Amino acid sequence: MKRNDASPEAYRADVSGWQRDVVERFRAMIDDVLPGIDEGIKYGMLNYPGVEALAAQKHHVSLYVSPAVLDRHRGEMAGFAYGKSCLRFRNKGDLDEGMLKTLLDDIAAHS
């Protein structure tokens, strides 16, 4: 579900329920691992240079990263829903903060 919010603040205010919790936890992890990273809106999603994007969609939250990053961590993602360049979380229980921090550390190391 593409959103038409003009700012990250408006985007976050537009997200509700468990998706808001997941988006805020992602943002906290991104800020912890990549302090000072710019947050913007691109293609109707929250955008972070180097991380790509974070999107609350109709039935899940997606974290978009470089396919190269996902390729380096495929072995750690057994049981997770993922595509060529994104991880999909269908509920708050799907969130594995340790694995996500590993991905973000990888992005920080290669940027």
N, C-alpha and C. Protein backbone atom coordinates (compact mmCIF):
# COMPACT_ATOMS: atom_id res chain seq x y z
N MET A 1 0.84 -1.17 0.00
CA MET A 1 0.00 0.00 0.00
C MET A 1 0.89 1.23 0.00
N LYS A 2 0.87 1.96 -1.07
CA LYS A 2 1.67 3.18 -1.17
C LYS A 2 0.98 4.31 -0.43
N ARG A 3 1.77 5.02 0.36
CA ARG A 3 1.25 6.17 1.10
C ARG A 3 1.70 7.44 0.41
N ASN A 4 0.96 8.51 0.59
CA ASN A 4 1.29 9.78 -0.03
C ASN A 4 1.69 10.83 0.99
N ASP A 5 2.31 10.41 2.08
CA ASP A 5 2.70 11.33 3.13
C ASP A 5 3.89 12.17 2.67
N ALA A 6 3.89 13.44 3.06
CA ALA A 6 4.91 14.38 2.61
C ALA A 6 6.17 14.36 3.48
N SER A 7 6.07 13.84 4.70
CA SER A 7 7.21 13.85 5.60
C SER A 7 7.28 12.54 6.38
N PRO A 8 8.45 12.21 6.93
CA PRO A 8 8.55 11.02 7.77
C PRO A 8 7.60 11.08 8.97
N GLU A 9 7.44 12.26 9.55
CA GLU A 9 6.55 12.41 10.69
C GLU A 9 5.11 12.10 10.30
N ALA A 10 4.68 12.59 9.15
CA ALA A 10 3.32 12.32 8.67
C ALA A 10 3.15 10.84 8.36
N TYR A 11 4.19 10.23 7.78
CA TYR A 11 4.13 8.80 7.46
C TYR A 11 3.92 7.99 8.74
N ARG A 12 4.76 8.27 9.75
CA ARG A 12 4.66 7.51 11.00
C ARG A 12 3.31 7.73 11.68
N ALA A 13 2.77 8.94 11.60
CA ALA A 13 1.46 9.22 12.19
C ALA A 13 0.35 8.47 11.47
N ASP A 14 0.57 8.15 10.20
CA ASP A 14 -0.41 7.47 9.36
C ASP A 14 -0.42 5.95 9.60
N VAL A 15 0.62 5.43 10.23
CA VAL A 15 0.73 3.99 10.48
C VAL A 15 0.14 3.69 11.86
N SER A 16 -0.62 2.60 11.97
CA SER A 16 -1.25 2.30 13.26
C SER A 16 -1.03 0.84 13.67
N GLY A 17 -1.45 0.54 14.89
CA GLY A 17 -1.44 -0.83 15.40
C GLY A 17 -0.05 -1.43 15.50
N TRP A 18 0.01 -2.73 15.27
CA TRP A 18 1.28 -3.46 15.40
C TRP A 18 2.31 -2.94 14.40
N GLN A 19 1.85 -2.44 13.24
CA GLN A 19 2.79 -1.93 12.24
C GLN A 19 3.52 -0.70 12.77
N ARG A 20 2.83 0.15 13.50
CA ARG A 20 3.49 1.33 14.08
C ARG A 20 4.58 0.88 15.06
N ASP A 21 4.28 -0.14 15.88
CA ASP A 21 5.28 -0.65 16.83
C ASP A 21 6.52 -1.16 16.08
N VAL A 22 6.30 -1.92 15.01
CA VAL A 22 7.42 -2.47 14.24
C VAL A 22 8.21 -1.35 13.57
N VAL A 23 7.54 -0.40 12.97
CA VAL A 23 8.22 0.72 12.31
C VAL A 23 9.07 1.48 13.34
N GLU A 24 8.53 1.74 14.51
CA GLU A 24 9.29 2.48 15.53
C GLU A 24 10.47 1.66 16.05
N ARG A 25 10.32 0.36 16.18
CA ARG A 25 11.45 -0.47 16.60
C ARG A 25 12.54 -0.49 15.54
N PHE A 26 12.15 -0.59 14.27
CA PHE A 26 13.12 -0.50 13.17
C PHE A 26 13.86 0.83 13.22
N ARG A 27 13.11 1.92 13.35
CA ARG A 27 13.73 3.24 13.37
C ARG A 27 14.73 3.36 14.51
N ALA A 28 14.39 2.83 15.67
CA ALA A 28 15.31 2.87 16.82
C ALA A 28 16.58 2.08 16.52
N MET A 29 16.44 0.91 15.89
CA MET A 29 17.63 0.12 15.53
C MET A 29 18.48 0.83 14.49
N ILE A 30 17.83 1.41 13.49
CA ILE A 30 18.56 2.13 12.45
C ILE A 30 19.33 3.29 13.07
N ASP A 31 18.69 4.04 13.96
CA ASP A 31 19.34 5.17 14.61
C ASP A 31 20.48 4.71 15.52
N ASP A 32 20.32 3.57 16.16
CA ASP A 32 21.37 3.04 17.04
C ASP A 32 22.60 2.62 16.25
N VAL A 33 22.40 1.91 15.15
CA VAL A 33 23.52 1.38 14.36
C VAL A 33 24.09 2.43 13.41
N LEU A 34 23.23 3.28 12.87
CA LEU A 34 23.65 4.31 11.90
C LEU A 34 23.24 5.69 12.41
N PRO A 35 23.84 6.15 13.52
CA PRO A 35 23.40 7.42 14.11
C PRO A 35 23.56 8.58 13.12
N GLY A 36 22.57 9.47 13.16
CA GLY A 36 22.62 10.64 12.30
C GLY A 36 22.18 10.41 10.87
N ILE A 37 21.73 9.19 10.54
CA ILE A 37 21.30 8.90 9.16
C ILE A 37 20.08 9.75 8.83
N ASP A 38 20.03 10.25 7.62
CA ASP A 38 18.90 11.05 7.17
C ASP A 38 17.68 10.16 6.98
N GLU A 39 16.53 10.68 7.36
CA GLU A 39 15.26 9.98 7.16
C GLU A 39 14.42 10.85 6.24
N GLY A 40 13.91 10.25 5.18
CA GLY A 40 13.09 10.99 4.24
C GLY A 40 11.98 10.12 3.70
N ILE A 41 11.32 10.61 2.68
CA ILE A 41 10.27 9.87 1.99
C ILE A 41 10.69 9.72 0.54
N LYS A 42 10.63 8.50 0.04
CA LYS A 42 10.93 8.23 -1.36
C LYS A 42 10.03 7.09 -1.81
N TYR A 43 9.38 7.26 -2.95
CA TYR A 43 8.45 6.26 -3.48
C TYR A 43 7.37 5.88 -2.47
N GLY A 44 6.95 6.82 -1.63
CA GLY A 44 5.88 6.56 -0.67
C GLY A 44 6.29 5.73 0.52
N MET A 45 7.60 5.63 0.79
CA MET A 45 8.11 4.84 1.91
C MET A 45 9.12 5.67 2.69
N LEU A 46 9.36 5.28 3.95
CA LEU A 46 10.45 5.90 4.70
C LEU A 46 11.74 5.49 4.03
N ASN A 47 12.64 6.45 3.82
CA ASN A 47 13.88 6.18 3.11
C ASN A 47 15.07 6.57 3.97
N TYR A 48 16.08 5.70 3.96
CA TYR A 48 17.33 5.92 4.68
C TYR A 48 18.46 5.60 3.72
N PRO A 49 19.34 6.56 3.43
CA PRO A 49 20.44 6.29 2.50
C PRO A 49 21.28 5.10 2.97
N GLY A 50 21.47 4.14 2.09
CA GLY A 50 22.24 2.94 2.41
C GLY A 50 21.38 1.78 2.89
N VAL A 51 20.28 2.09 3.56
CA VAL A 51 19.38 1.03 4.04
C VAL A 51 18.32 0.78 2.99
N GLU A 52 17.99 1.72 2.20
CA GLU A 52 16.96 1.74 1.17
C GLU A 52 15.66 2.25 1.74
N ALA A 53 14.76 1.36 2.25
CA ALA A 53 13.44 1.86 2.66
C ALA A 53 12.80 0.97 3.70
N LEU A 54 11.83 1.54 4.38
CA LEU A 54 11.01 0.85 5.36
C LEU A 54 9.57 1.21 5.02
N ALA A 55 8.72 0.20 4.88
CA ALA A 55 7.35 0.47 4.44
C ALA A 55 6.33 -0.37 5.22
N ALA A 56 5.31 0.31 5.73
CA ALA A 56 4.16 -0.37 6.30
C ALA A 56 3.17 -0.56 5.16
N GLN A 57 2.96 -1.81 4.78
CA GLN A 57 2.08 -2.10 3.65
C GLN A 57 0.78 -2.70 4.17
N LYS A 58 -0.07 -3.16 3.29
CA LYS A 58 -1.41 -3.58 3.70
C LYS A 58 -1.39 -4.66 4.78
N HIS A 59 -0.60 -5.72 4.59
CA HIS A 59 -0.61 -6.83 5.54
C HIS A 59 0.74 -7.11 6.18
N HIS A 60 1.73 -6.28 5.93
CA HIS A 60 3.05 -6.52 6.49
C HIS A 60 3.88 -5.24 6.50
N VAL A 61 5.03 -5.33 7.15
CA VAL A 61 6.02 -4.26 7.12
C VAL A 61 7.21 -4.82 6.37
N SER A 62 7.75 -4.05 5.45
CA SER A 62 8.90 -4.50 4.66
C SER A 62 10.10 -3.61 4.92
N LEU A 63 11.25 -4.25 5.05
CA LEU A 63 12.53 -3.55 5.12
C LEU A 63 13.26 -3.86 3.83
N TYR A 64 13.53 -2.83 3.04
CA TYR A 64 14.22 -2.99 1.77
C TYR A 64 15.70 -2.68 1.96
N VAL A 65 16.54 -3.60 1.54
CA VAL A 65 17.99 -3.41 1.60
C VAL A 65 18.59 -3.88 0.29
N SER A 66 19.85 -3.65 0.11
CA SER A 66 20.54 -4.09 -1.10
C SER A 66 20.47 -5.61 -1.23
N PRO A 67 20.25 -6.14 -2.43
CA PRO A 67 20.27 -7.58 -2.62
C PRO A 67 21.60 -8.19 -2.16
N ALA A 68 22.70 -7.46 -2.31
CA ALA A 68 24.01 -7.98 -1.87
C ALA A 68 24.02 -8.22 -0.36
N VAL A 69 23.40 -7.34 0.40
CA VAL A 69 23.33 -7.52 1.86
C VAL A 69 22.53 -8.76 2.19
N LEU A 70 21.35 -8.92 1.55
CA LEU A 70 20.54 -10.11 1.82
C LEU A 70 21.29 -11.38 1.42
N ASP A 71 21.99 -11.35 0.30
CA ASP A 71 22.74 -12.53 -0.13
C ASP A 71 23.77 -12.96 0.91
N ARG A 72 24.40 -12.00 1.56
CA ARG A 72 25.41 -12.33 2.57
C ARG A 72 24.80 -12.95 3.81
N HIS A 73 23.49 -12.81 4.00
CA HIS A 73 22.86 -13.27 5.24
C HIS A 73 21.74 -14.28 5.02
N ARG A 74 21.64 -14.85 3.83
CA ARG A 74 20.56 -15.81 3.54
C ARG A 74 20.52 -16.96 4.54
N GLY A 75 21.67 -17.44 4.96
CA GLY A 75 21.71 -18.56 5.90
C GLY A 75 21.10 -18.25 7.25
N GLU A 76 21.08 -16.98 7.62
CA GLU A 76 20.53 -16.56 8.91
C GLU A 76 19.03 -16.29 8.83
N MET A 77 18.46 -16.36 7.63
CA MET A 77 17.07 -15.95 7.45
C MET A 77 16.11 -17.11 7.22
N ALA A 78 16.51 -18.30 7.57
CA ALA A 78 15.60 -19.44 7.41
C ALA A 78 14.33 -19.17 8.21
N GLY A 79 13.20 -19.38 7.60
CA GLY A 79 11.92 -19.17 8.28
C GLY A 79 11.37 -17.76 8.15
N PHE A 80 12.15 -16.84 7.59
CA PHE A 80 11.67 -15.48 7.38
C PHE A 80 11.14 -15.33 5.97
N ALA A 81 10.17 -14.45 5.81
CA ALA A 81 9.66 -14.14 4.47
C ALA A 81 10.54 -13.05 3.89
N TYR A 82 11.15 -13.34 2.76
CA TYR A 82 11.99 -12.34 2.12
C TYR A 82 11.96 -12.52 0.62
N GLY A 83 12.30 -11.43 -0.06
CA GLY A 83 12.36 -11.42 -1.51
C GLY A 83 13.76 -11.07 -1.95
N LYS A 84 13.89 -10.62 -3.19
CA LYS A 84 15.20 -10.28 -3.74
C LYS A 84 15.89 -9.17 -2.95
N SER A 85 15.12 -8.20 -2.48
CA SER A 85 15.74 -7.09 -1.77
C SER A 85 14.93 -6.63 -0.55
N CYS A 86 14.09 -7.50 0.00
CA CYS A 86 13.32 -7.07 1.17
C CYS A 86 13.05 -8.22 2.12
N LEU A 87 12.84 -7.85 3.37
CA LEU A 87 12.35 -8.76 4.40
C LEU A 87 10.94 -8.33 4.72
N ARG A 88 10.03 -9.30 4.88
CA ARG A 88 8.63 -8.98 5.17
C ARG A 88 8.26 -9.50 6.55
N PHE A 89 7.58 -8.67 7.32
CA PHE A 89 7.16 -9.04 8.66
C PHE A 89 5.65 -8.91 8.73
N ARG A 90 4.96 -10.03 8.99
CA ARG A 90 3.51 -10.06 8.98
C ARG A 90 2.90 -9.76 10.35
N ASN A 91 3.72 -9.78 11.39
CA ASN A 91 3.26 -9.41 12.72
C ASN A 91 4.47 -9.06 13.59
N LYS A 92 4.20 -8.51 14.74
CA LYS A 92 5.27 -8.06 15.63
C LYS A 92 6.16 -9.23 16.06
N GLY A 93 5.59 -10.43 16.16
CA GLY A 93 6.34 -11.61 16.57
C GLY A 93 7.38 -12.06 15.55
N ASP A 94 7.25 -11.64 14.30
CA ASP A 94 8.22 -12.01 13.26
C ASP A 94 9.53 -11.25 13.40
N LEU A 95 9.54 -10.19 14.17
CA LEU A 95 10.71 -9.32 14.26
C LEU A 95 11.80 -9.97 15.10
N ASP A 96 12.93 -10.25 14.48
CA ASP A 96 14.10 -10.79 15.17
C ASP A 96 15.15 -9.67 15.22
N GLU A 97 15.18 -8.96 16.35
CA GLU A 97 16.04 -7.79 16.45
C GLU A 97 17.52 -8.13 16.31
N GLY A 98 17.94 -9.30 16.78
CA GLY A 98 19.34 -9.69 16.64
C GLY A 98 19.74 -9.83 15.18
N MET A 99 18.90 -10.50 14.38
CA MET A 99 19.20 -10.67 12.96
C MET A 99 19.17 -9.33 12.23
N LEU A 100 18.21 -8.49 12.58
CA LEU A 100 18.12 -7.18 11.93
C LEU A 100 19.31 -6.29 12.29
N LYS A 101 19.77 -6.36 13.52
CA LYS A 101 20.95 -5.59 13.91
C LYS A 101 22.16 -6.08 13.13
N THR A 102 22.26 -7.39 12.89
CA THR A 102 23.36 -7.93 12.09
C THR A 102 23.31 -7.35 10.67
N LEU A 103 22.12 -7.29 10.07
CA LEU A 103 21.98 -6.69 8.74
C LEU A 103 22.40 -5.23 8.74
N LEU A 104 21.94 -4.48 9.73
CA LEU A 104 22.27 -3.06 9.82
C LEU A 104 23.77 -2.85 10.07
N ASP A 105 24.37 -3.72 10.90
CA ASP A 105 25.83 -3.64 11.10
C ASP A 105 26.56 -3.88 9.80
N ASP A 106 26.08 -4.83 9.00
CA ASP A 106 26.68 -5.11 7.68
C ASP A 106 26.58 -3.89 6.78
N ILE A 107 25.41 -3.25 6.77
CA ILE A 107 25.23 -2.06 5.95
C ILE A 107 26.19 -0.96 6.41
N ALA A 108 26.31 -0.77 7.71
CA ALA A 108 27.20 0.26 8.24
C ALA A 108 28.65 -0.03 7.86
N ALA A 109 29.03 -1.29 7.90
CA ALA A 109 30.42 -1.67 7.58
C ALA A 109 30.75 -1.50 6.10
N HIS A 110 29.75 -1.60 5.24
CA HIS A 110 29.98 -1.53 3.79
C HIS A 110 29.58 -0.19 3.18
N SER A 111 29.25 0.79 4.03
CA SER A 111 28.86 2.09 3.45
C SER A 111 29.96 3.11 3.61
